[in-house]
Amino acid sequence: MEALIFQRAICLAVGYVFGMFQTGYIVGRVMHVDIRKKGSGNAGSTNAVRVLGWKAGAVTFFGDVLKCILAVLLMRFVFRESDCLPLLVVYTGMGVTLGHNFPFYLKFKGGKGMAVLGALVLMTAPCLVPIPLISFLIVVIFTRYVSLGSILAAAIYFMEVVFYGCRGGFGMELRYEVELYILAGLIMILAWVRHKDNIKRLLAGKENRFGVKKAE
């Protein structure tokens, strides 16, 4: 038990360190812009596209995806003999999400973690990717609400994790699987909390549509 607690802590800590690599902030600084003071004030890829353009947004997105993948690959290698490796993968993803959303050196003002979540879905189990990805794209294409697509994708990720685990996909003991479900649920809730202002604007009909300029 003590060993597993140590492994969880290591995964969270390593994930947090990787997550603090704020791609959007760094790209913005290279372009002499503090992205946290422009647009929505978010350091993620959506705001990077709005403020810095498509190329900078793409670099931000892939940088945020890559940091999660690298963190998980490292922990997969370190704890490759573990009998609860899928659980440790999700702990690592949680750490990356926290580091991305709340980097201490930027006064805990980072992104919303959706690119990181996309990478975590892939690293949890590649077969889980299509449904949240397609759902996200459909919502964004037809409504132009990136926030709505993100909220939906986070919920689908949680439901998929539970369904996949109940079907024996993770191959772990029940206690580890239940813990994984709880952790996935917390990641979903965190995504919703980070989008709380977007949710308020959606309910009020005032949310910004991606690619549509605000009326003067």
N, C-alpha and C. Protein backbone atom coordinates (compact mmCIF):
# COMPACT_ATOMS: atom_id res chain seq x y z
N MET A 1 0.82 -1.20 0.00
CA MET A 1 0.00 0.00 0.00
C MET A 1 0.86 1.26 0.00
N GLU A 2 1.91 1.27 0.86
CA GLU A 2 2.80 2.43 0.91
C GLU A 2 3.49 2.65 -0.43
N ALA A 3 3.87 1.56 -1.09
CA ALA A 3 4.52 1.68 -2.39
C ALA A 3 3.59 2.31 -3.41
N LEU A 4 2.32 1.92 -3.38
CA LEU A 4 1.36 2.47 -4.33
C LEU A 4 1.11 3.96 -4.06
N ILE A 5 1.06 4.33 -2.77
CA ILE A 5 0.89 5.74 -2.43
C ILE A 5 2.06 6.55 -2.98
N PHE A 6 3.27 6.00 -2.84
CA PHE A 6 4.47 6.65 -3.37
C PHE A 6 4.38 6.77 -4.89
N GLN A 7 3.93 5.73 -5.56
CA GLN A 7 3.81 5.75 -7.02
C GLN A 7 2.79 6.80 -7.47
N ARG A 8 1.67 6.87 -6.77
CA ARG A 8 0.67 7.88 -7.10
C ARG A 8 1.27 9.29 -6.98
N ALA A 9 1.97 9.51 -5.88
CA ALA A 9 2.56 10.83 -5.63
C ALA A 9 3.59 11.18 -6.70
N ILE A 10 4.40 10.21 -7.09
CA ILE A 10 5.41 10.45 -8.13
C ILE A 10 4.73 10.79 -9.45
N CYS A 11 3.69 10.06 -9.80
CA CYS A 11 2.98 10.31 -11.06
C CYS A 11 2.36 11.71 -11.06
N LEU A 12 1.75 12.09 -9.96
CA LEU A 12 1.16 13.43 -9.87
C LEU A 12 2.23 14.51 -9.98
N ALA A 13 3.35 14.31 -9.26
CA ALA A 13 4.41 15.31 -9.25
C ALA A 13 5.08 15.45 -10.62
N VAL A 14 5.41 14.32 -11.23
CA VAL A 14 6.04 14.36 -12.55
C VAL A 14 5.08 14.96 -13.57
N GLY A 15 3.81 14.56 -13.49
CA GLY A 15 2.81 15.13 -14.38
C GLY A 15 2.70 16.64 -14.22
N TYR A 16 2.71 17.10 -12.98
CA TYR A 16 2.61 18.54 -12.73
C TYR A 16 3.78 19.29 -13.35
N VAL A 17 4.98 18.74 -13.21
CA VAL A 17 6.17 19.38 -13.77
C VAL A 17 6.05 19.49 -15.30
N PHE A 18 5.64 18.40 -15.94
CA PHE A 18 5.45 18.44 -17.39
C PHE A 18 4.34 19.42 -17.77
N GLY A 19 3.27 19.42 -16.98
CA GLY A 19 2.14 20.29 -17.29
C GLY A 19 2.46 21.76 -17.21
N MET A 20 3.45 22.13 -16.40
CA MET A 20 3.81 23.54 -16.26
C MET A 20 4.46 24.13 -17.50
N PHE A 21 4.81 23.28 -18.46
CA PHE A 21 5.35 23.80 -19.72
C PHE A 21 4.20 24.45 -20.48
N GLN A 22 4.06 25.75 -20.34
CA GLN A 22 2.92 26.48 -20.90
C GLN A 22 3.22 26.88 -22.35
N THR A 23 2.84 26.02 -23.26
CA THR A 23 3.16 26.24 -24.67
C THR A 23 2.60 27.57 -25.16
N GLY A 24 1.33 27.84 -24.86
CA GLY A 24 0.70 29.07 -25.34
C GLY A 24 1.40 30.31 -24.80
N TYR A 25 1.75 30.29 -23.53
CA TYR A 25 2.44 31.42 -22.92
C TYR A 25 3.81 31.62 -23.57
N ILE A 26 4.53 30.52 -23.78
CA ILE A 26 5.86 30.60 -24.37
C ILE A 26 5.80 31.10 -25.81
N VAL A 27 4.88 30.54 -26.59
CA VAL A 27 4.71 30.98 -27.98
C VAL A 27 4.35 32.46 -28.02
N GLY A 28 3.47 32.88 -27.11
CA GLY A 28 3.08 34.28 -27.04
C GLY A 28 4.26 35.18 -26.72
N ARG A 29 5.09 34.75 -25.77
CA ARG A 29 6.25 35.56 -25.40
C ARG A 29 7.23 35.70 -26.57
N VAL A 30 7.38 34.62 -27.33
CA VAL A 30 8.24 34.68 -28.52
C VAL A 30 7.71 35.74 -29.49
N MET A 31 6.38 35.87 -29.54
CA MET A 31 5.74 36.85 -30.42
C MET A 31 5.48 38.17 -29.70
N HIS A 32 6.09 38.33 -28.50
CA HIS A 32 6.01 39.56 -27.70
C HIS A 32 4.57 39.87 -27.26
N VAL A 33 3.83 38.81 -26.92
CA VAL A 33 2.47 38.96 -26.43
C VAL A 33 2.29 38.07 -25.20
N ASP A 34 1.70 38.63 -24.15
CA ASP A 34 1.32 37.83 -22.99
C ASP A 34 -0.11 37.38 -23.23
N ILE A 35 -0.27 36.14 -23.66
CA ILE A 35 -1.59 35.64 -24.06
C ILE A 35 -2.59 35.68 -22.93
N ARG A 36 -2.10 35.70 -21.70
CA ARG A 36 -3.00 35.74 -20.55
C ARG A 36 -3.65 37.11 -20.36
N LYS A 37 -3.17 38.10 -21.11
CA LYS A 37 -3.72 39.46 -21.02
C LYS A 37 -4.49 39.84 -22.27
N LYS A 38 -4.70 38.86 -23.15
CA LYS A 38 -5.40 39.11 -24.40
C LYS A 38 -6.55 38.12 -24.56
N GLY A 39 -7.55 38.50 -25.35
CA GLY A 39 -8.66 37.60 -25.62
C GLY A 39 -9.37 37.19 -24.35
N SER A 40 -9.51 35.88 -24.18
CA SER A 40 -10.19 35.36 -22.99
C SER A 40 -9.29 35.33 -21.76
N GLY A 41 -8.00 35.57 -21.97
CA GLY A 41 -7.05 35.51 -20.86
C GLY A 41 -6.58 34.11 -20.55
N ASN A 42 -6.99 33.16 -21.38
CA ASN A 42 -6.63 31.76 -21.20
C ASN A 42 -5.35 31.45 -21.97
N ALA A 43 -4.52 30.55 -21.43
CA ALA A 43 -3.25 30.22 -22.07
C ALA A 43 -3.34 29.01 -22.98
N GLY A 44 -4.56 28.57 -23.31
CA GLY A 44 -4.73 27.38 -24.12
C GLY A 44 -4.75 27.67 -25.62
N SER A 45 -4.95 26.61 -26.40
CA SER A 45 -4.85 26.71 -27.85
C SER A 45 -5.97 27.52 -28.49
N THR A 46 -7.19 27.46 -27.93
CA THR A 46 -8.29 28.23 -28.53
C THR A 46 -8.01 29.73 -28.47
N ASN A 47 -7.57 30.20 -27.32
CA ASN A 47 -7.24 31.62 -27.20
C ASN A 47 -6.00 31.96 -28.01
N ALA A 48 -5.08 31.01 -28.13
CA ALA A 48 -3.88 31.24 -28.95
C ALA A 48 -4.26 31.47 -30.41
N VAL A 49 -5.25 30.71 -30.90
CA VAL A 49 -5.72 30.91 -32.27
C VAL A 49 -6.33 32.29 -32.42
N ARG A 50 -7.17 32.66 -31.46
CA ARG A 50 -7.85 33.96 -31.53
C ARG A 50 -6.86 35.13 -31.48
N VAL A 51 -5.86 35.02 -30.61
CA VAL A 51 -4.96 36.13 -30.37
C VAL A 51 -3.74 36.11 -31.29
N LEU A 52 -3.18 34.93 -31.52
CA LEU A 52 -1.90 34.82 -32.22
C LEU A 52 -2.00 34.25 -33.63
N GLY A 53 -3.15 33.63 -33.96
CA GLY A 53 -3.31 33.07 -35.29
C GLY A 53 -3.26 31.55 -35.29
N TRP A 54 -3.61 30.97 -36.44
CA TRP A 54 -3.73 29.52 -36.55
C TRP A 54 -2.42 28.78 -36.31
N LYS A 55 -1.31 29.28 -36.85
CA LYS A 55 -0.04 28.59 -36.69
C LYS A 55 0.36 28.51 -35.22
N ALA A 56 0.26 29.64 -34.52
CA ALA A 56 0.59 29.66 -33.09
C ALA A 56 -0.37 28.77 -32.31
N GLY A 57 -1.64 28.77 -32.71
CA GLY A 57 -2.62 27.92 -32.05
C GLY A 57 -2.32 26.46 -32.23
N ALA A 58 -1.89 26.08 -33.44
CA ALA A 58 -1.55 24.68 -33.71
C ALA A 58 -0.32 24.26 -32.90
N VAL A 59 0.68 25.13 -32.83
CA VAL A 59 1.88 24.83 -32.04
C VAL A 59 1.50 24.66 -30.57
N THR A 60 0.63 25.53 -30.08
CA THR A 60 0.17 25.45 -28.70
C THR A 60 -0.55 24.14 -28.44
N PHE A 61 -1.45 23.78 -29.34
CA PHE A 61 -2.22 22.55 -29.18
C PHE A 61 -1.31 21.32 -29.14
N PHE A 62 -0.45 21.19 -30.13
CA PHE A 62 0.40 20.00 -30.19
C PHE A 62 1.44 19.98 -29.08
N GLY A 63 1.88 21.16 -28.65
CA GLY A 63 2.80 21.20 -27.51
C GLY A 63 2.14 20.72 -26.24
N ASP A 64 0.88 21.12 -26.03
CA ASP A 64 0.15 20.69 -24.83
C ASP A 64 -0.20 19.21 -24.88
N VAL A 65 -0.49 18.71 -26.07
CA VAL A 65 -0.73 17.27 -26.22
C VAL A 65 0.55 16.49 -25.96
N LEU A 66 1.65 16.97 -26.52
CA LEU A 66 2.92 16.25 -26.41
C LEU A 66 3.40 16.14 -24.97
N LYS A 67 3.21 17.19 -24.17
CA LYS A 67 3.73 17.14 -22.80
C LYS A 67 3.01 16.07 -21.98
N CYS A 68 1.74 15.86 -22.26
CA CYS A 68 1.01 14.81 -21.56
C CYS A 68 1.48 13.43 -22.02
N ILE A 69 1.65 13.28 -23.33
CA ILE A 69 2.11 11.99 -23.87
C ILE A 69 3.49 11.63 -23.32
N LEU A 70 4.39 12.59 -23.28
CA LEU A 70 5.75 12.33 -22.79
C LEU A 70 5.74 11.97 -21.30
N ALA A 71 4.93 12.68 -20.53
CA ALA A 71 4.84 12.40 -19.09
C ALA A 71 4.32 10.98 -18.86
N VAL A 72 3.29 10.60 -19.59
CA VAL A 72 2.71 9.26 -19.43
C VAL A 72 3.68 8.19 -19.88
N LEU A 73 4.36 8.41 -21.00
CA LEU A 73 5.33 7.43 -21.49
C LEU A 73 6.45 7.22 -20.47
N LEU A 74 6.89 8.30 -19.84
CA LEU A 74 7.93 8.20 -18.82
C LEU A 74 7.45 7.36 -17.63
N MET A 75 6.26 7.63 -17.15
CA MET A 75 5.73 6.89 -16.01
C MET A 75 5.39 5.45 -16.38
N ARG A 76 4.97 5.23 -17.61
CA ARG A 76 4.75 3.85 -18.08
C ARG A 76 6.04 3.05 -18.02
N PHE A 77 7.13 3.70 -18.38
CA PHE A 77 8.43 3.01 -18.36
C PHE A 77 8.90 2.79 -16.93
N VAL A 78 8.79 3.80 -16.10
CA VAL A 78 9.27 3.70 -14.71
C VAL A 78 8.50 2.63 -13.94
N PHE A 79 7.18 2.57 -14.13
CA PHE A 79 6.34 1.65 -13.36
C PHE A 79 5.78 0.53 -14.26
N ARG A 80 6.57 0.12 -15.23
CA ARG A 80 6.11 -0.86 -16.22
C ARG A 80 5.73 -2.20 -15.60
N GLU A 81 6.23 -2.51 -14.41
CA GLU A 81 5.91 -3.78 -13.76
C GLU A 81 4.69 -3.69 -12.84
N SER A 82 4.10 -2.51 -12.75
CA SER A 82 2.98 -2.32 -11.84
C SER A 82 1.74 -3.08 -12.30
N ASP A 83 0.96 -3.57 -11.35
CA ASP A 83 -0.28 -4.28 -11.67
C ASP A 83 -1.46 -3.33 -11.76
N CYS A 84 -1.20 -2.02 -11.62
CA CYS A 84 -2.26 -1.03 -11.76
C CYS A 84 -1.78 0.13 -12.65
N LEU A 85 -1.09 -0.22 -13.72
CA LEU A 85 -0.50 0.78 -14.60
C LEU A 85 -1.54 1.74 -15.19
N PRO A 86 -2.72 1.28 -15.64
CA PRO A 86 -3.71 2.24 -16.15
C PRO A 86 -4.09 3.31 -15.13
N LEU A 87 -4.17 2.92 -13.86
CA LEU A 87 -4.47 3.88 -12.81
C LEU A 87 -3.37 4.92 -12.70
N LEU A 88 -2.12 4.48 -12.76
CA LEU A 88 -0.99 5.41 -12.67
C LEU A 88 -0.93 6.33 -13.88
N VAL A 89 -1.37 5.83 -15.03
CA VAL A 89 -1.44 6.67 -16.23
C VAL A 89 -2.39 7.84 -16.00
N VAL A 90 -3.55 7.54 -15.42
CA VAL A 90 -4.54 8.59 -15.18
C VAL A 90 -4.07 9.55 -14.09
N TYR A 91 -3.36 9.04 -13.08
CA TYR A 91 -2.77 9.93 -12.08
C TYR A 91 -1.78 10.89 -12.74
N THR A 92 -0.99 10.37 -13.66
CA THR A 92 -0.04 11.22 -14.37
C THR A 92 -0.78 12.28 -15.17
N GLY A 93 -1.85 11.86 -15.86
CA GLY A 93 -2.65 12.82 -16.62
C GLY A 93 -3.27 13.88 -15.74
N MET A 94 -3.71 13.49 -14.55
CA MET A 94 -4.25 14.46 -13.60
C MET A 94 -3.16 15.46 -13.21
N GLY A 95 -1.95 14.97 -12.97
CA GLY A 95 -0.84 15.86 -12.64
C GLY A 95 -0.55 16.85 -13.76
N VAL A 96 -0.53 16.36 -15.00
CA VAL A 96 -0.29 17.25 -16.15
C VAL A 96 -1.40 18.30 -16.24
N THR A 97 -2.63 17.87 -16.02
CA THR A 97 -3.77 18.79 -16.07
C THR A 97 -3.64 19.89 -15.01
N LEU A 98 -3.27 19.50 -13.79
CA LEU A 98 -3.09 20.48 -12.72
C LEU A 98 -1.95 21.44 -13.03
N GLY A 99 -0.84 20.90 -13.56
CA GLY A 99 0.28 21.76 -13.92
C GLY A 99 -0.06 22.72 -15.04
N HIS A 100 -0.86 22.23 -15.99
CA HIS A 100 -1.27 23.07 -17.12
C HIS A 100 -2.25 24.15 -16.68
N ASN A 101 -3.21 23.76 -15.85
CA ASN A 101 -4.25 24.70 -15.41
C ASN A 101 -3.78 25.68 -14.35
N PHE A 102 -2.88 25.20 -13.46
CA PHE A 102 -2.47 26.00 -12.31
C PHE A 102 -0.95 26.02 -12.15
N PRO A 103 -0.20 26.57 -13.10
CA PRO A 103 1.26 26.65 -12.97
C PRO A 103 1.65 27.67 -11.90
N PHE A 104 2.39 27.26 -10.90
CA PHE A 104 2.66 28.15 -9.77
C PHE A 104 3.47 29.36 -10.19
N TYR A 105 4.36 29.21 -11.19
CA TYR A 105 5.24 30.32 -11.56
C TYR A 105 4.51 31.38 -12.40
N LEU A 106 3.27 31.07 -12.82
CA LEU A 106 2.44 32.06 -13.52
C LEU A 106 1.25 32.46 -12.65
N LYS A 107 1.46 32.39 -11.34
CA LYS A 107 0.43 32.74 -10.36
C LYS A 107 -0.82 31.87 -10.54
N PHE A 108 -0.57 30.60 -10.90
CA PHE A 108 -1.63 29.59 -11.02
C PHE A 108 -2.66 29.93 -12.11
N LYS A 109 -2.23 30.71 -13.10
CA LYS A 109 -3.12 31.10 -14.19
C LYS A 109 -2.65 30.45 -15.48
N GLY A 110 -3.27 29.33 -15.84
CA GLY A 110 -2.87 28.61 -17.04
C GLY A 110 -4.02 28.42 -18.00
N GLY A 111 -4.12 27.20 -18.56
CA GLY A 111 -5.18 26.90 -19.52
C GLY A 111 -6.33 26.16 -18.88
N LYS A 112 -7.14 25.52 -19.73
CA LYS A 112 -8.30 24.77 -19.24
C LYS A 112 -8.10 23.26 -19.37
N GLY A 113 -7.00 22.86 -20.00
CA GLY A 113 -6.63 21.45 -19.99
C GLY A 113 -7.29 20.55 -21.01
N MET A 114 -7.93 21.09 -22.04
CA MET A 114 -8.64 20.23 -22.97
C MET A 114 -7.71 19.52 -23.94
N ALA A 115 -6.63 20.17 -24.37
CA ALA A 115 -5.64 19.48 -25.21
C ALA A 115 -4.98 18.37 -24.41
N VAL A 116 -4.72 18.66 -23.14
CA VAL A 116 -4.14 17.64 -22.25
C VAL A 116 -5.12 16.48 -22.10
N LEU A 117 -6.40 16.79 -21.94
CA LEU A 117 -7.40 15.73 -21.81
C LEU A 117 -7.44 14.87 -23.06
N GLY A 118 -7.34 15.50 -24.23
CA GLY A 118 -7.31 14.74 -25.47
C GLY A 118 -6.17 13.74 -25.49
N ALA A 119 -4.99 14.19 -25.04
CA ALA A 119 -3.83 13.29 -24.99
C ALA A 119 -4.04 12.19 -23.97
N LEU A 120 -4.67 12.53 -22.84
CA LEU A 120 -4.91 11.54 -21.79
C LEU A 120 -5.88 10.46 -22.27
N VAL A 121 -6.90 10.86 -23.03
CA VAL A 121 -7.83 9.87 -23.59
C VAL A 121 -7.05 8.88 -24.43
N LEU A 122 -6.15 9.38 -25.27
CA LEU A 122 -5.33 8.52 -26.13
C LEU A 122 -4.46 7.59 -25.31
N MET A 123 -3.84 8.11 -24.25
CA MET A 123 -2.91 7.32 -23.47
C MET A 123 -3.62 6.38 -22.49
N THR A 124 -4.86 6.70 -22.15
CA THR A 124 -5.64 5.79 -21.30
C THR A 124 -5.97 4.52 -22.07
N ALA A 125 -6.49 4.70 -23.28
CA ALA A 125 -6.78 3.59 -24.19
C ALA A 125 -7.12 4.20 -25.55
N PRO A 126 -6.34 3.92 -26.59
CA PRO A 126 -6.59 4.52 -27.91
C PRO A 126 -8.00 4.31 -28.43
N CYS A 127 -8.63 3.19 -28.06
CA CYS A 127 -9.98 2.91 -28.56
C CYS A 127 -11.02 3.87 -28.00
N LEU A 128 -10.65 4.66 -26.97
CA LEU A 128 -11.59 5.61 -26.38
C LEU A 128 -11.63 6.93 -27.14
N VAL A 129 -10.71 7.14 -28.07
CA VAL A 129 -10.56 8.44 -28.73
C VAL A 129 -11.71 8.81 -29.65
N PRO A 130 -12.18 7.93 -30.54
CA PRO A 130 -13.11 8.35 -31.59
C PRO A 130 -14.37 9.06 -31.12
N ILE A 131 -15.08 8.51 -30.12
CA ILE A 131 -16.38 9.07 -29.74
C ILE A 131 -16.25 10.49 -29.19
N PRO A 132 -15.38 10.76 -28.18
CA PRO A 132 -15.28 12.15 -27.71
C PRO A 132 -14.75 13.10 -28.78
N LEU A 133 -13.84 12.62 -29.63
CA LEU A 133 -13.29 13.47 -30.68
C LEU A 133 -14.36 13.84 -31.71
N ILE A 134 -15.10 12.83 -32.18
CA ILE A 134 -16.15 13.09 -33.16
C ILE A 134 -17.25 13.97 -32.57
N SER A 135 -17.61 13.70 -31.31
CA SER A 135 -18.64 14.50 -30.65
C SER A 135 -18.19 15.96 -30.54
N PHE A 136 -16.94 16.16 -30.16
CA PHE A 136 -16.39 17.51 -30.05
C PHE A 136 -16.46 18.23 -31.39
N LEU A 137 -16.01 17.55 -32.45
CA LEU A 137 -15.97 18.16 -33.78
C LEU A 137 -17.37 18.50 -34.28
N ILE A 138 -18.31 17.59 -34.07
CA ILE A 138 -19.68 17.84 -34.51
C ILE A 138 -20.27 19.07 -33.83
N VAL A 139 -20.08 19.15 -32.51
CA VAL A 139 -20.62 20.29 -31.76
C VAL A 139 -19.98 21.59 -32.22
N VAL A 140 -18.66 21.59 -32.37
CA VAL A 140 -17.96 22.82 -32.76
C VAL A 140 -18.32 23.23 -34.19
N ILE A 141 -18.39 22.27 -35.09
CA ILE A 141 -18.71 22.58 -36.49
C ILE A 141 -20.11 23.17 -36.62
N PHE A 142 -21.08 22.60 -35.91
CA PHE A 142 -22.46 23.03 -36.08
C PHE A 142 -22.88 24.19 -35.17
N THR A 143 -22.18 24.36 -34.04
CA THR A 143 -22.58 25.44 -33.13
C THR A 143 -21.52 26.53 -33.00
N ARG A 144 -20.27 26.20 -33.34
CA ARG A 144 -19.13 27.11 -33.17
C ARG A 144 -18.80 27.36 -31.70
N TYR A 145 -19.34 26.54 -30.81
CA TYR A 145 -19.04 26.67 -29.38
C TYR A 145 -17.98 25.65 -28.99
N VAL A 146 -16.73 26.09 -28.91
CA VAL A 146 -15.66 25.20 -28.48
C VAL A 146 -15.87 24.75 -27.05
N SER A 147 -16.36 25.65 -26.22
CA SER A 147 -16.59 25.32 -24.81
C SER A 147 -17.61 24.20 -24.67
N LEU A 148 -18.68 24.25 -25.43
CA LEU A 148 -19.71 23.22 -25.36
C LEU A 148 -19.16 21.87 -25.80
N GLY A 149 -18.37 21.89 -26.88
CA GLY A 149 -17.74 20.65 -27.34
C GLY A 149 -16.79 20.09 -26.31
N SER A 150 -16.07 20.97 -25.61
CA SER A 150 -15.11 20.54 -24.60
C SER A 150 -15.81 19.92 -23.40
N ILE A 151 -16.89 20.56 -22.94
CA ILE A 151 -17.66 20.05 -21.80
C ILE A 151 -18.23 18.67 -22.12
N LEU A 152 -18.76 18.53 -23.33
CA LEU A 152 -19.33 17.25 -23.75
C LEU A 152 -18.25 16.18 -23.85
N ALA A 153 -17.10 16.53 -24.42
CA ALA A 153 -16.01 15.56 -24.57
C ALA A 153 -15.52 15.06 -23.22
N ALA A 154 -15.44 15.96 -22.23
CA ALA A 154 -15.00 15.57 -20.89
C ALA A 154 -15.98 14.58 -20.26
N ALA A 155 -17.28 14.82 -20.46
CA ALA A 155 -18.30 13.92 -19.91
C ALA A 155 -18.23 12.55 -20.59
N ILE A 156 -18.04 12.56 -21.90
CA ILE A 156 -17.98 11.30 -22.65
C ILE A 156 -16.75 10.50 -22.23
N TYR A 157 -15.63 11.19 -21.99
CA TYR A 157 -14.42 10.50 -21.53
C TYR A 157 -14.70 9.74 -20.24
N PHE A 158 -15.34 10.40 -19.29
CA PHE A 158 -15.65 9.74 -18.02
C PHE A 158 -16.55 8.52 -18.23
N MET A 159 -17.59 8.68 -19.03
CA MET A 159 -18.51 7.56 -19.26
C MET A 159 -17.81 6.41 -19.98
N GLU A 160 -16.94 6.74 -20.93
CA GLU A 160 -16.21 5.70 -21.64
C GLU A 160 -15.28 4.92 -20.73
N VAL A 161 -14.61 5.65 -19.83
CA VAL A 161 -13.68 5.00 -18.90
C VAL A 161 -14.44 3.99 -18.04
N VAL A 162 -15.60 4.38 -17.52
CA VAL A 162 -16.39 3.48 -16.69
C VAL A 162 -16.86 2.28 -17.51
N PHE A 163 -17.38 2.52 -18.69
CA PHE A 163 -17.88 1.44 -19.54
C PHE A 163 -16.75 0.48 -19.93
N TYR A 164 -15.62 1.05 -20.33
CA TYR A 164 -14.47 0.25 -20.74
C TYR A 164 -13.95 -0.59 -19.58
N GLY A 165 -13.90 0.01 -18.39
CA GLY A 165 -13.44 -0.71 -17.21
C GLY A 165 -14.38 -1.83 -16.81
N CYS A 166 -15.68 -1.56 -16.89
CA CYS A 166 -16.66 -2.58 -16.53
C CYS A 166 -16.62 -3.76 -17.50
N ARG A 167 -16.16 -3.51 -18.71
CA ARG A 167 -16.02 -4.59 -19.69
C ARG A 167 -14.69 -5.33 -19.57
N GLY A 168 -13.89 -4.96 -18.55
CA GLY A 168 -12.62 -5.62 -18.31
C GLY A 168 -11.47 -5.09 -19.12
N GLY A 169 -11.64 -3.90 -19.69
CA GLY A 169 -10.60 -3.34 -20.56
C GLY A 169 -9.29 -3.01 -19.87
N PHE A 170 -9.34 -2.63 -18.61
CA PHE A 170 -8.12 -2.21 -17.93
C PHE A 170 -7.38 -3.38 -17.29
N GLY A 171 -8.05 -4.47 -17.03
CA GLY A 171 -7.40 -5.65 -16.48
C GLY A 171 -6.81 -5.46 -15.11
N MET A 172 -7.47 -4.66 -14.26
CA MET A 172 -6.97 -4.42 -12.91
C MET A 172 -7.95 -4.98 -11.89
N GLU A 173 -7.51 -5.02 -10.64
CA GLU A 173 -8.41 -5.39 -9.55
C GLU A 173 -9.50 -4.33 -9.44
N LEU A 174 -10.65 -4.74 -8.92
CA LEU A 174 -11.81 -3.86 -8.83
C LEU A 174 -11.49 -2.58 -8.05
N ARG A 175 -10.75 -2.70 -6.95
CA ARG A 175 -10.47 -1.51 -6.13
C ARG A 175 -9.67 -0.47 -6.91
N TYR A 176 -8.77 -0.94 -7.78
CA TYR A 176 -8.01 -0.01 -8.62
C TYR A 176 -8.89 0.61 -9.69
N GLU A 177 -9.79 -0.20 -10.23
CA GLU A 177 -10.68 0.32 -11.26
C GLU A 177 -11.62 1.37 -10.71
N VAL A 178 -12.16 1.13 -9.52
CA VAL A 178 -13.06 2.11 -8.89
C VAL A 178 -12.31 3.42 -8.65
N GLU A 179 -11.07 3.31 -8.20
CA GLU A 179 -10.26 4.51 -7.98
C GLU A 179 -10.03 5.24 -9.29
N LEU A 180 -9.81 4.49 -10.35
CA LEU A 180 -9.62 5.10 -11.67
C LEU A 180 -10.88 5.84 -12.10
N TYR A 181 -12.06 5.23 -11.86
CA TYR A 181 -13.32 5.89 -12.22
C TYR A 181 -13.47 7.21 -11.46
N ILE A 182 -13.14 7.18 -10.17
CA ILE A 182 -13.24 8.39 -9.35
C ILE A 182 -12.32 9.48 -9.89
N LEU A 183 -11.10 9.07 -10.25
CA LEU A 183 -10.12 10.03 -10.75
C LEU A 183 -10.58 10.62 -12.09
N ALA A 184 -11.11 9.77 -12.96
CA ALA A 184 -11.63 10.25 -14.25
C ALA A 184 -12.80 11.20 -14.02
N GLY A 185 -13.62 10.91 -13.02
CA GLY A 185 -14.73 11.80 -12.69
C GLY A 185 -14.23 13.15 -12.20
N LEU A 186 -13.18 13.15 -11.41
CA LEU A 186 -12.60 14.41 -10.92
C LEU A 186 -12.03 15.23 -12.07
N ILE A 187 -11.42 14.55 -13.04
CA ILE A 187 -10.89 15.25 -14.22
C ILE A 187 -12.02 15.89 -15.01
N MET A 188 -13.13 15.17 -15.14
CA MET A 188 -14.29 15.72 -15.82
C MET A 188 -14.83 16.95 -15.08
N ILE A 189 -14.96 16.83 -13.76
CA ILE A 189 -15.48 17.94 -12.95
C ILE A 189 -14.55 19.15 -13.05
N LEU A 190 -13.25 18.89 -13.01
CA LEU A 190 -12.28 19.98 -13.13
C LEU A 190 -12.44 20.70 -14.46
N ALA A 191 -12.64 19.94 -15.53
CA ALA A 191 -12.86 20.54 -16.85
C ALA A 191 -14.10 21.43 -16.83
N TRP A 192 -15.16 20.96 -16.19
CA TRP A 192 -16.39 21.75 -16.10
C TRP A 192 -16.18 23.01 -15.27
N VAL A 193 -15.45 22.87 -14.16
CA VAL A 193 -15.19 24.03 -13.30
C VAL A 193 -14.38 25.08 -14.06
N ARG A 194 -13.40 24.63 -14.84
CA ARG A 194 -12.59 25.57 -15.62
C ARG A 194 -13.42 26.26 -16.70
N HIS A 195 -14.54 25.65 -17.05
CA HIS A 195 -15.41 26.24 -18.06
C HIS A 195 -16.64 26.90 -17.44
N LYS A 196 -16.60 27.18 -16.15
CA LYS A 196 -17.80 27.69 -15.46
C LYS A 196 -18.29 29.00 -16.08
N ASP A 197 -17.36 29.89 -16.44
CA ASP A 197 -17.77 31.16 -17.04
C ASP A 197 -18.37 30.92 -18.43
N ASN A 198 -17.81 29.96 -19.15
CA ASN A 198 -18.37 29.62 -20.46
C ASN A 198 -19.78 29.06 -20.32
N ILE A 199 -19.98 28.23 -19.29
CA ILE A 199 -21.30 27.65 -19.05
C ILE A 199 -22.32 28.74 -18.75
N LYS A 200 -21.92 29.73 -17.94
CA LYS A 200 -22.82 30.84 -17.63
C LYS A 200 -23.19 31.60 -18.90
N ARG A 201 -22.18 31.83 -19.77
CA ARG A 201 -22.46 32.56 -21.00
C ARG A 201 -23.31 31.72 -21.95
N LEU A 202 -23.09 30.41 -21.97
CA LEU A 202 -23.92 29.54 -22.81
C LEU A 202 -25.38 29.60 -22.37
N LEU A 203 -25.61 29.53 -21.07
CA LEU A 203 -26.97 29.58 -20.56
C LEU A 203 -27.63 30.94 -20.81
N ALA A 204 -26.80 31.98 -20.85
CA ALA A 204 -27.34 33.32 -21.09
C ALA A 204 -27.39 33.67 -22.57
N GLY A 205 -26.88 32.75 -23.43
CA GLY A 205 -26.87 33.01 -24.86
C GLY A 205 -25.83 34.04 -25.27
N LYS A 206 -24.78 34.20 -24.47
CA LYS A 206 -23.77 35.22 -24.74
C LYS A 206 -22.37 34.63 -24.99
N GLU A 207 -22.27 33.32 -25.15
CA GLU A 207 -20.97 32.70 -25.36
C GLU A 207 -20.40 33.07 -26.73
N ASN A 208 -19.08 33.26 -26.78
CA ASN A 208 -18.42 33.58 -28.03
C ASN A 208 -18.38 32.38 -28.95
N ARG A 209 -18.69 32.58 -30.20
CA ARG A 209 -18.60 31.51 -31.19
C ARG A 209 -17.23 31.53 -31.85
N PHE A 210 -16.63 30.38 -31.94
CA PHE A 210 -15.29 30.28 -32.52
C PHE A 210 -15.32 30.69 -33.99
N GLY A 211 -14.43 31.60 -34.36
CA GLY A 211 -14.35 32.03 -35.74
C GLY A 211 -15.33 33.12 -36.11
N VAL A 212 -16.14 33.56 -35.12
CA VAL A 212 -17.12 34.64 -35.36
C VAL A 212 -16.71 35.84 -34.53
N LYS A 213 -16.52 36.97 -35.20
CA LYS A 213 -16.10 38.17 -34.50
C LYS A 213 -17.26 38.75 -33.70
N LYS A 214 -16.92 39.33 -32.55
CA LYS A 214 -17.95 39.98 -31.74
C LYS A 214 -18.50 41.20 -32.47
N ALA A 215 -19.79 41.43 -32.26
CA ALA A 215 -20.40 42.62 -32.83
C ALA A 215 -19.90 43.86 -32.10
N GLU A 216 -19.72 44.93 -32.86
CA GLU A 216 -19.24 46.17 -32.23
C GLU A 216 -20.34 46.77 -31.37
